[in-house]
Amino acid sequence: DMMLNDALYGILFRDINMQRTLIDQNFSRVINAFAGIIINSGEDNYLTTADAVAEAHTVTASQFINEQL
């Protein structure tokens, strides 16, 4: 199974509560890891609806932030 799981998409583009979203993401990723479920980040979803060249800076920033978390 696969699941889309990325708090940064909601934080960067939907103005959702940052602290609550990151805590929820961490908890759900722990459960997904325990269950052996593969997760995809929001960049995959975002690039399907946006111009990849025009929005490359936002996707790159999101990937760097995800890497640090």
Protein backbone atom coordinates (compact mmCIF):
# COMPACT_ATOMS: atom_id res chain seq x y z
CA ASP A 1 0.00 0.00 0.00
CA MET A 2 0.99 3.62 -0.47
CA MET A 3 -0.16 6.81 1.25
CA LEU A 4 0.32 10.53 0.64
CA ASN A 5 1.71 11.96 3.87
CA ASP A 6 3.22 15.44 3.88
CA ALA A 7 2.48 18.16 6.42
CA LEU A 8 4.47 20.81 4.59
CA TYR A 9 2.05 20.99 1.68
CA GLY A 10 -0.72 22.06 4.05
CA ILE A 11 1.55 24.45 5.93
CA LEU A 12 3.03 26.13 2.84
CA PHE A 13 0.00 26.23 0.58
CA ARG A 14 -3.09 25.93 2.81
CA ASP A 15 -2.03 27.98 5.87
CA ILE A 16 -2.79 25.14 8.30
CA ASN A 17 -1.63 25.15 11.94
CA MET A 18 2.06 24.22 11.72
CA GLN A 19 2.58 22.60 15.11
CA ARG A 20 -0.53 20.40 15.01
CA THR A 21 0.15 19.34 11.42
CA LEU A 22 3.76 18.30 12.11
CA ILE A 23 2.73 16.35 15.22
CA ASP A 24 -0.02 14.56 13.27
CA GLN A 25 2.40 13.77 10.44
CA ASN A 26 4.97 12.32 12.82
CA PHE A 27 2.38 10.11 14.51
CA SER A 28 0.94 8.86 11.22
CA ARG A 29 4.40 8.14 9.80
CA VAL A 30 5.23 6.03 12.86
CA ILE A 31 2.04 4.01 12.33
CA ASN A 32 2.71 3.69 8.58
CA ALA A 33 6.27 2.51 9.22
CA PHE A 34 5.06 -0.08 11.71
CA ALA A 35 2.49 -1.33 9.18
CA GLY A 36 5.00 -1.36 6.32
CA ILE A 37 3.09 1.24 4.29
CA ILE A 38 5.12 3.31 1.82
CA ILE A 39 4.49 7.05 1.97
CA ASN A 40 4.80 9.68 -0.74
CA SER A 41 5.49 13.34 -0.09
CA GLY A 42 3.31 16.20 -1.23
CA GLU A 43 5.80 17.26 -3.89
CA ASP A 44 4.63 14.40 -6.08
CA ASN A 45 1.04 15.52 -5.75
CA TYR A 46 1.86 19.21 -6.18
CA LEU A 47 3.90 18.73 -9.35
CA THR A 48 0.99 17.01 -11.08
CA THR A 49 -1.12 20.18 -10.78
CA ALA A 50 1.51 22.93 -11.13
CA ASP A 51 4.05 24.04 -13.70
CA ALA A 52 7.18 22.21 -12.55
CA VAL A 53 9.59 24.85 -13.84
CA ALA A 54 7.68 27.85 -12.47
CA GLU A 55 7.18 26.26 -9.03
CA ALA A 56 10.55 24.52 -8.72
CA HIS A 57 11.67 26.81 -5.89
CA THR A 58 8.73 25.85 -3.65
CA VAL A 59 9.19 22.15 -4.30
CA THR A 60 12.94 22.37 -3.64
CA ALA A 61 12.38 24.27 -0.38
CA SER A 62 9.81 21.72 0.76
CA GLN A 63 12.19 18.85 0.02
CA PHE A 64 15.00 20.48 2.03
CA ILE A 65 12.67 21.05 4.98
CA ASN A 66 11.41 17.45 4.82
CA GLU A 67 15.01 16.19 4.76
CA GLN A 68 15.80 18.10 7.97
CA LEU A 69 12.69 16.79 9.73
